Amino acid sequence: MEYTKDINKIIIHVHVPKTAGTTMQGIIRRQYDNPKDLKEIYMPWGLPESLNAINDIDNIDEIKCIQGHFPYGIHRYFNRSFNYIAMLRNPIEHIISVYSYILENPTIPYYNEIMKNNLTLKDFNKLKTPYGDLNNLQTRYISGVIMRDLNLGDLERAKENVLKKFLFVGLTERFDESVFMLKQLLGWKISFYAKKNVTKLRQRQEDLPNDLLDAIYQSNEYDIELYRFTKALFDKKINELDVADKINLKVFINKKNEIEQLTSSEKYQNERFLNWCLENNNSDIIIFGTGKVREDCISFLNKINEIANTNLTIKPLIDSAFYNCKIIIASETNQNNQELVQQLILLGVEREKIISFID
């Protein structure tokens, strides 16, 4: 598969809430070294304020990618060709995840509606608010209709957009395959990714009573049909990969699984440190620390370089290199880590250049 990256086309990531979009957001961030190339707009979940924010972009003709909680249609603000991408999720799992996530985050506008009216998942499924309805939320984002009741024509428009307006629409349940397809289509450099913004406390679909499942189905019939349609297209694209790409897909997933096994088995590893390694994947490193923890840190960096194709180069501690390197603190205790961080900051080292091996 040859990638279709075109520097004149803007990438538009329609981040539908709770579809693994935050993980995708992190992957996209790592594709753009220059902050001016990427614009993010995260007003509350696709409200009209998102469109107002687009109007306020100073370098609108220069950015290469824009992502956020906004619906299909913002390409009208750009005088350039575009590639839309998005992720969709099983609609039953999606509505459960959205409800659970809101309950964990009081700053989201819908939270007050739920608490004030003591809404259960069944009631929430039918929630109508000034911020927009939450039923068939994925159809709303893909069709571009947020603030009014949907009709069958909107569903057909969403399906047409998936077929003709989006370069690619992936599936949360098949995230690895989705990331591989985007890697191939856009020429992205992707080795590993850790899941982000995962809702901690949520009900499981298999534990829900049938009457609740029936209610969710009835209130989200457009999303269910859109997901079915998109999944069929997704299956077709995977099946049509040539032999070489199918091998590459298998290698890609195996490498990701290798890193997952590595990180789950390493005594001192933490997800924040792993993400830092990947985001600073071509950096010179100075390690502050001694003994077993330092040895474990060096071993881990070597394994990450081997598996994820990063280029994290450990340098000796000399004055001339000190301020040009990223710094890893490999100390036995969190208290020692914090003390070292403060000392380095006092010496003039920027905080974002420092990471602790032990969380």
Protein backbone atom coordinates (compact mmCIF):
# COMPACT_ATOMS: atom_id res chain seq x y z
CA MET A 1 0.00 0.00 0.00
CA GLU A 2 1.47 3.37 -1.00
CA TYR A 3 0.80 6.24 1.34
CA THR A 4 -1.17 9.25 0.17
CA LYS A 5 0.51 11.98 2.20
CA ASP A 6 0.27 15.35 0.49
CA ILE A 7 1.85 18.36 2.19
CA ASN A 8 -0.84 20.57 0.70
CA LYS A 9 -3.68 18.54 2.23
CA ILE A 10 -4.68 19.31 5.78
CA ILE A 11 -5.38 16.30 8.03
CA ILE A 12 -8.64 16.79 9.97
CA HIS A 13 -9.07 14.42 12.91
CA VAL A 14 -12.72 14.40 13.99
CA HIS A 15 -12.26 13.23 17.57
CA VAL A 16 -15.54 11.61 18.56
CA PRO A 17 -15.53 11.48 22.39
CA LYS A 18 -14.74 8.10 23.97
CA THR A 19 -13.68 6.25 20.82
CA ALA A 20 -9.96 5.93 21.74
CA GLY A 21 -9.53 9.38 20.23
CA THR A 22 -7.23 10.54 23.04
CA THR A 23 -4.83 7.71 22.24
CA MET A 24 -5.03 8.70 18.57
CA GLN A 25 -4.47 12.32 19.61
CA GLY A 26 -1.15 11.35 21.18
CA ILE A 27 -0.10 9.39 18.10
CA ILE A 28 -0.88 12.38 15.89
CA ARG A 29 1.04 14.77 18.15
CA ARG A 30 4.18 12.72 17.66
CA GLN A 31 3.96 13.17 13.87
CA TYR A 32 4.52 16.93 14.02
CA ASP A 33 7.77 18.26 15.49
CA ASN A 34 6.88 21.88 14.78
CA PRO A 35 4.07 23.06 17.13
CA LYS A 36 2.86 25.42 14.39
CA ASP A 37 1.97 22.44 12.19
CA LEU A 38 -0.68 21.10 14.57
CA LYS A 39 -3.76 22.83 15.97
CA GLU A 40 -6.00 21.30 18.62
CA ILE A 41 -9.49 22.52 19.47
CA TYR A 42 -11.08 20.92 22.49
CA MET A 43 -14.10 22.95 23.41
CA PRO A 44 -16.79 20.94 25.24
CA TRP A 45 -17.62 18.12 22.85
CA GLY A 46 -18.41 19.67 19.52
CA LEU A 47 -20.24 22.77 20.63
CA PRO A 48 -20.49 25.82 18.36
CA GLU A 49 -17.56 27.33 20.30
CA SER A 50 -15.31 24.92 18.40
CA LEU A 51 -16.18 26.62 15.13
CA ASN A 52 -15.60 30.04 16.68
CA ALA A 53 -12.17 28.86 17.79
CA ILE A 54 -11.32 27.86 14.22
CA ASN A 55 -12.07 31.40 13.10
CA ASP A 56 -9.49 32.63 15.61
CA ILE A 57 -6.59 30.54 14.24
CA ASP A 58 -3.82 32.93 13.19
CA ASN A 59 -1.87 30.61 10.89
CA ILE A 60 -4.87 28.82 9.42
CA ASP A 61 -3.26 28.48 5.97
CA GLU A 62 -0.04 27.03 7.40
CA ILE A 63 -1.16 24.26 9.76
CA LYS A 64 -0.84 20.68 8.53
CA CYS A 65 -3.25 19.00 10.92
CA ILE A 66 -6.17 19.99 13.12
CA GLN A 67 -7.85 17.74 15.66
CA GLY A 68 -10.51 18.10 18.30
CA HIS A 69 -14.13 17.63 19.36
CA PHE A 70 -15.76 19.14 16.30
CA PRO A 71 -18.07 17.63 13.68
CA TYR A 72 -17.51 17.00 9.99
CA GLY A 73 -17.66 20.21 7.97
CA ILE A 74 -14.79 22.36 9.20
CA HIS A 75 -12.94 21.89 5.91
CA ARG A 76 -15.01 24.85 4.70
CA TYR A 77 -12.76 27.10 6.76
CA PHE A 78 -9.67 26.08 4.79
CA ASN A 79 -8.77 27.04 1.24
CA ARG A 80 -7.02 23.70 0.71
CA SER A 81 -7.78 20.09 -0.02
CA PHE A 82 -8.23 17.88 3.02
CA ASN A 83 -8.17 14.36 4.45
CA TYR A 84 -10.65 13.55 7.21
CA ILE A 85 -9.94 10.73 9.67
CA ALA A 86 -11.96 9.45 12.65
CA MET A 87 -12.60 6.49 14.92
CA LEU A 88 -15.95 4.85 15.65
CA ARG A 89 -16.90 2.49 18.46
CA ASN A 90 -19.49 -0.21 19.11
CA PRO A 91 -22.49 2.04 19.97
CA ILE A 92 -23.54 0.13 23.10
CA GLU A 93 -20.02 0.27 24.52
CA HIS A 94 -19.81 3.88 23.43
CA ILE A 95 -22.86 5.14 25.31
CA ILE A 96 -21.79 3.22 28.45
CA SER A 97 -18.32 4.75 28.24
CA VAL A 98 -19.63 8.29 27.67
CA TYR A 99 -21.98 8.04 30.66
CA SER A 100 -19.28 6.61 32.95
CA TYR A 101 -16.73 9.18 31.82
CA ILE A 102 -19.05 12.11 32.53
CA LEU A 103 -19.71 10.78 36.04
CA GLU A 104 -15.94 10.87 36.65
CA ASN A 105 -15.52 14.43 35.32
CA PRO A 106 -17.62 17.18 36.95
CA THR A 107 -16.23 19.84 34.59
CA ILE A 108 -18.08 18.37 31.58
CA PRO A 109 -21.30 20.34 30.90
CA TYR A 110 -23.51 17.22 30.92
CA TYR A 111 -22.41 16.33 34.47
CA ASN A 112 -24.73 18.85 36.11
CA GLU A 113 -27.66 17.60 34.05
CA ILE A 114 -27.05 14.04 35.25
CA MET A 115 -26.60 14.95 38.90
CA LYS A 116 -29.43 17.47 39.06
CA ASN A 117 -31.92 15.02 37.57
CA ASN A 118 -30.37 11.89 39.14
CA LEU A 119 -30.19 10.26 35.71
CA THR A 120 -29.47 6.55 35.35
CA LEU A 121 -27.83 5.12 32.25
CA LYS A 122 -31.29 4.41 30.87
CA ASP A 123 -32.41 8.01 31.39
CA PHE A 124 -29.09 9.44 30.20
CA ASN A 125 -29.44 7.54 26.96
CA LYS A 126 -32.33 9.88 26.07
CA LEU A 127 -30.77 13.06 27.46
CA LYS A 128 -31.51 16.29 25.61
CA THR A 129 -29.60 19.40 26.72
CA PRO A 130 -28.71 22.88 25.45
CA TYR A 131 -25.26 21.44 24.63
CA GLY A 132 -26.65 18.91 22.15
CA ASP A 133 -28.16 15.45 22.42
CA LEU A 134 -26.01 12.42 23.21
CA ASN A 135 -27.99 9.75 21.42
CA ASN A 136 -26.50 8.75 18.06
CA LEU A 137 -23.50 10.91 18.94
CA GLN A 138 -21.20 9.24 16.40
CA THR A 139 -23.67 9.84 13.57
CA ARG A 140 -23.86 13.47 14.65
CA TYR A 141 -20.09 13.95 14.41
CA ILE A 142 -19.69 12.15 11.08
CA SER A 143 -22.74 13.76 9.44
CA GLY A 144 -21.98 17.22 10.81
CA VAL A 145 -25.35 17.57 12.59
CA ILE A 146 -24.93 18.30 16.30
CA MET A 147 -27.68 20.51 17.65
CA ARG A 148 -30.96 19.20 16.17
CA ASP A 149 -32.87 15.93 15.97
CA LEU A 150 -31.48 13.51 13.43
CA ASN A 151 -33.41 11.96 10.57
CA LEU A 152 -32.78 9.15 8.12
CA GLY A 153 -31.23 11.58 5.65
CA ASP A 154 -28.57 12.48 8.24
CA LEU A 155 -27.66 8.81 8.62
CA GLU A 156 -27.31 8.47 4.86
CA ARG A 157 -25.17 11.60 4.78
CA ALA A 158 -22.92 10.15 7.48
CA LYS A 159 -22.52 6.90 5.52
CA GLU A 160 -21.77 8.89 2.36
CA ASN A 161 -19.13 10.88 4.26
CA VAL A 162 -17.47 7.71 5.53
CA LEU A 163 -17.43 6.33 1.99
CA LYS A 164 -16.32 9.44 0.09
CA LYS A 165 -15.23 12.29 2.38
CA PHE A 166 -13.08 10.50 4.95
CA LEU A 167 -9.70 9.11 4.00
CA PHE A 168 -10.15 6.54 6.74
CA VAL A 169 -12.50 5.70 9.61
CA GLY A 170 -11.10 3.19 12.09
CA LEU A 171 -12.70 1.10 14.80
CA THR A 172 -11.94 1.31 18.51
CA GLU A 173 -12.36 -2.45 18.88
CA ARG A 174 -9.70 -2.98 16.21
CA PHE A 175 -7.43 -0.15 17.15
CA ASP A 176 -4.11 -1.77 16.21
CA GLU A 177 -5.30 -2.49 12.69
CA SER A 178 -6.72 1.04 12.44
CA VAL A 179 -3.40 2.60 13.46
CA PHE A 180 -1.54 0.43 10.95
CA MET A 181 -3.84 1.54 8.14
CA LEU A 182 -3.28 5.20 8.99
CA LYS A 183 0.45 4.59 9.23
CA GLN A 184 0.38 3.16 5.71
CA LEU A 185 -1.99 5.74 4.23
CA LEU A 186 -0.26 8.82 5.68
CA GLY A 187 3.33 7.66 6.02
CA TRP A 188 3.27 8.17 9.79
CA LYS A 189 6.08 6.93 12.03
CA ILE A 190 4.39 4.82 14.70
CA SER A 191 6.07 2.21 16.85
CA PHE A 192 3.99 1.97 20.00
CA TYR A 193 1.19 3.71 21.82
CA ALA A 194 -0.29 3.34 25.27
CA LYS A 195 -4.03 3.70 25.81
CA LYS A 196 -4.96 7.07 27.26
CA ASN A 197 -8.05 8.54 28.92
CA VAL A 198 -9.47 5.10 29.69
CA THR A 199 -12.58 5.34 31.87
CA LYS A 200 -11.75 3.54 35.10
CA LEU A 201 -15.19 2.76 36.52
CA ARG A 202 -17.73 1.66 33.97
CA GLN A 203 -20.43 -0.92 33.59
CA ARG A 204 -19.87 -3.85 31.26
CA GLN A 205 -22.26 -4.49 28.42
CA GLU A 206 -22.67 -8.14 29.40
CA ASP A 207 -23.87 -7.08 32.87
CA LEU A 208 -26.69 -4.86 31.61
CA PRO A 209 -30.28 -6.10 31.73
CA ASN A 210 -32.03 -6.76 28.44
CA ASP A 211 -34.55 -3.94 28.88
CA LEU A 212 -31.71 -1.42 29.24
CA LEU A 213 -29.89 -2.82 26.21
CA ASP A 214 -33.13 -2.61 24.21
CA ALA A 215 -33.57 1.04 25.27
CA ILE A 216 -30.01 1.89 24.18
CA TYR A 217 -30.53 0.14 20.84
CA GLN A 218 -33.75 2.06 20.18
CA SER A 219 -32.21 5.43 21.05
CA ASN A 220 -29.05 4.86 19.01
CA GLU A 221 -30.31 3.05 15.93
CA TYR A 222 -28.52 5.43 13.57
CA ASP A 223 -25.18 4.85 15.32
CA ILE A 224 -25.73 1.09 15.18
CA GLU A 225 -26.34 1.21 11.44
CA LEU A 226 -23.42 3.60 10.84
CA TYR A 227 -21.12 1.32 12.81
CA ARG A 228 -22.31 -1.74 10.85
CA PHE A 229 -21.71 0.09 7.57
CA THR A 230 -18.26 1.34 8.62
CA LYS A 231 -17.21 -2.07 9.96
CA ALA A 232 -18.10 -3.68 6.62
CA LEU A 233 -15.89 -1.15 4.80
CA PHE A 234 -13.13 -1.68 7.35
CA ASP A 235 -13.23 -5.45 6.89
CA LYS A 236 -13.07 -4.99 3.12
CA LYS A 237 -9.99 -2.76 3.34
CA ILE A 238 -8.17 -5.21 5.61
CA ASN A 239 -9.06 -8.15 3.39
CA GLU A 240 -7.82 -6.28 0.31
CA LEU A 241 -4.34 -5.68 1.70
CA ASP A 242 -1.72 -7.32 -0.46
CA VAL A 243 0.49 -10.08 0.90
CA ALA A 244 3.32 -7.71 1.83
CA ASP A 245 1.02 -5.40 3.79
CA LYS A 246 -0.62 -8.30 5.59
CA ILE A 247 2.84 -9.41 6.69
CA ASN A 248 3.68 -5.84 7.73
CA LEU A 249 0.45 -5.66 9.72
CA LYS A 250 1.33 -8.84 11.58
CA VAL A 251 4.87 -7.57 12.30
CA PHE A 252 3.48 -4.22 13.48
CA ILE A 253 1.08 -5.83 15.95
CA ASN A 254 3.71 -8.31 17.15
CA LYS A 255 6.16 -5.47 17.86
CA LYS A 256 3.52 -3.57 19.79
CA ASN A 257 2.76 -6.68 21.81
CA GLU A 258 6.48 -7.16 22.51
CA ILE A 259 6.65 -3.69 24.01
CA GLU A 260 3.51 -4.32 26.06
CA GLN A 261 5.07 -7.49 27.44
CA LEU A 262 8.30 -5.65 28.16
CA THR A 263 6.57 -2.83 30.00
CA SER A 264 4.37 -5.18 32.01
CA SER A 265 7.38 -7.23 33.13
CA GLU A 266 9.79 -4.43 33.96
CA LYS A 267 9.89 -3.72 37.70
CA TYR A 268 10.52 0.00 37.37
CA GLN A 269 8.62 0.83 34.21
CA ASN A 270 5.63 3.15 34.09
CA GLU A 271 3.38 4.28 31.26
CA ARG A 272 4.34 7.95 31.63
CA PHE A 273 8.02 7.08 31.17
CA LEU A 274 7.29 4.93 28.13
CA ASN A 275 5.29 7.70 26.46
CA TRP A 276 8.12 10.13 27.20
CA CYS A 277 10.61 7.78 25.52
CA LEU A 278 8.43 7.54 22.43
CA GLU A 279 7.76 11.27 22.24
CA ASN A 280 11.50 12.02 22.60
CA ASN A 281 12.47 9.14 20.33
CA ASN A 282 15.51 10.78 18.71
CA SER A 283 17.21 12.34 21.71
CA ASP A 284 20.51 12.37 23.56
CA ILE A 285 20.04 11.23 27.15
CA ILE A 286 21.88 11.83 30.42
CA ILE A 287 20.98 9.50 33.29
CA PHE A 288 21.25 10.74 36.87
CA GLY A 289 21.50 7.74 39.17
CA THR A 290 23.62 4.81 40.27
CA GLY A 291 23.37 1.14 41.05
CA LYS A 292 20.64 -1.30 40.08
CA VAL A 293 18.07 1.33 39.10
CA ARG A 294 20.49 2.94 36.65
CA GLU A 295 21.34 -0.47 35.19
CA ASP A 296 17.64 -1.27 34.78
CA CYS A 297 17.05 2.10 33.13
CA ILE A 298 19.86 1.54 30.62
CA SER A 299 18.60 -1.98 29.90
CA PHE A 300 15.09 -0.69 29.32
CA LEU A 301 16.24 2.07 26.95
CA ASN A 302 18.26 -0.45 24.94
CA LYS A 303 15.22 -2.73 24.63
CA ILE A 304 12.98 0.15 23.56
CA ASN A 305 15.53 1.21 20.94
CA GLU A 306 15.60 -2.35 19.60
CA ILE A 307 11.86 -3.02 19.56
CA ALA A 308 10.39 0.42 18.81
CA ASN A 309 13.19 1.69 16.52
CA THR A 310 13.80 4.70 18.73
CA ASN A 311 17.19 6.43 18.89
CA LEU A 312 17.68 7.25 22.56
CA THR A 313 21.44 7.75 22.95
CA ILE A 314 22.99 7.76 26.42
CA LYS A 315 25.66 10.44 26.79
CA PRO A 316 28.31 10.99 29.51
CA LEU A 317 27.71 13.79 31.99
CA ILE A 318 29.89 16.67 30.76
CA ASP A 319 29.22 20.39 31.04
CA SER A 320 29.15 21.03 27.30
CA ALA A 321 26.36 18.48 26.71
CA PHE A 322 24.37 18.97 29.90
CA TYR A 323 21.87 21.54 28.68
CA ASN A 324 21.40 19.99 25.24
CA CYS A 325 20.27 16.58 26.51
CA LYS A 326 17.10 15.12 27.96
CA ILE A 327 17.54 13.95 31.54
CA ILE A 328 16.34 10.73 33.16
CA ILE A 329 16.45 10.46 36.93
CA ALA A 330 17.04 6.84 37.96
CA SER A 331 16.85 6.97 41.75
CA GLU A 332 15.58 4.40 44.26
CA THR A 333 12.83 6.52 45.82
CA ASN A 334 10.27 9.04 44.65
CA GLN A 335 11.49 11.53 47.28
CA ASN A 336 15.01 11.42 45.85
CA ASN A 337 13.55 11.91 42.38
CA GLN A 338 11.67 15.03 43.43
CA GLU A 339 14.72 16.50 45.15
CA LEU A 340 16.86 15.94 42.05
CA VAL A 341 14.23 17.52 39.82
CA GLN A 342 14.22 20.67 41.94
CA GLN A 343 18.02 20.85 41.93
CA LEU A 344 18.15 20.53 38.14
CA ILE A 345 15.51 23.23 37.69
CA LEU A 346 17.56 25.53 39.93
CA LEU A 347 20.53 24.86 37.64
CA GLY A 348 18.47 26.10 34.70
CA VAL A 349 17.26 22.83 33.18
CA GLU A 350 13.78 23.08 31.67
CA ARG A 351 11.24 20.94 33.53
CA GLU A 352 9.89 19.30 30.37
CA LYS A 353 13.36 17.86 29.66
CA ILE A 354 13.32 15.82 32.89
CA ILE A 355 11.64 12.47 33.50
CA SER A 356 11.82 9.98 36.38
CA PHE A 357 12.38 6.31 35.60
CA ILE A 358 10.42 5.33 38.70
CA ASP A 359 6.92 6.82 38.90
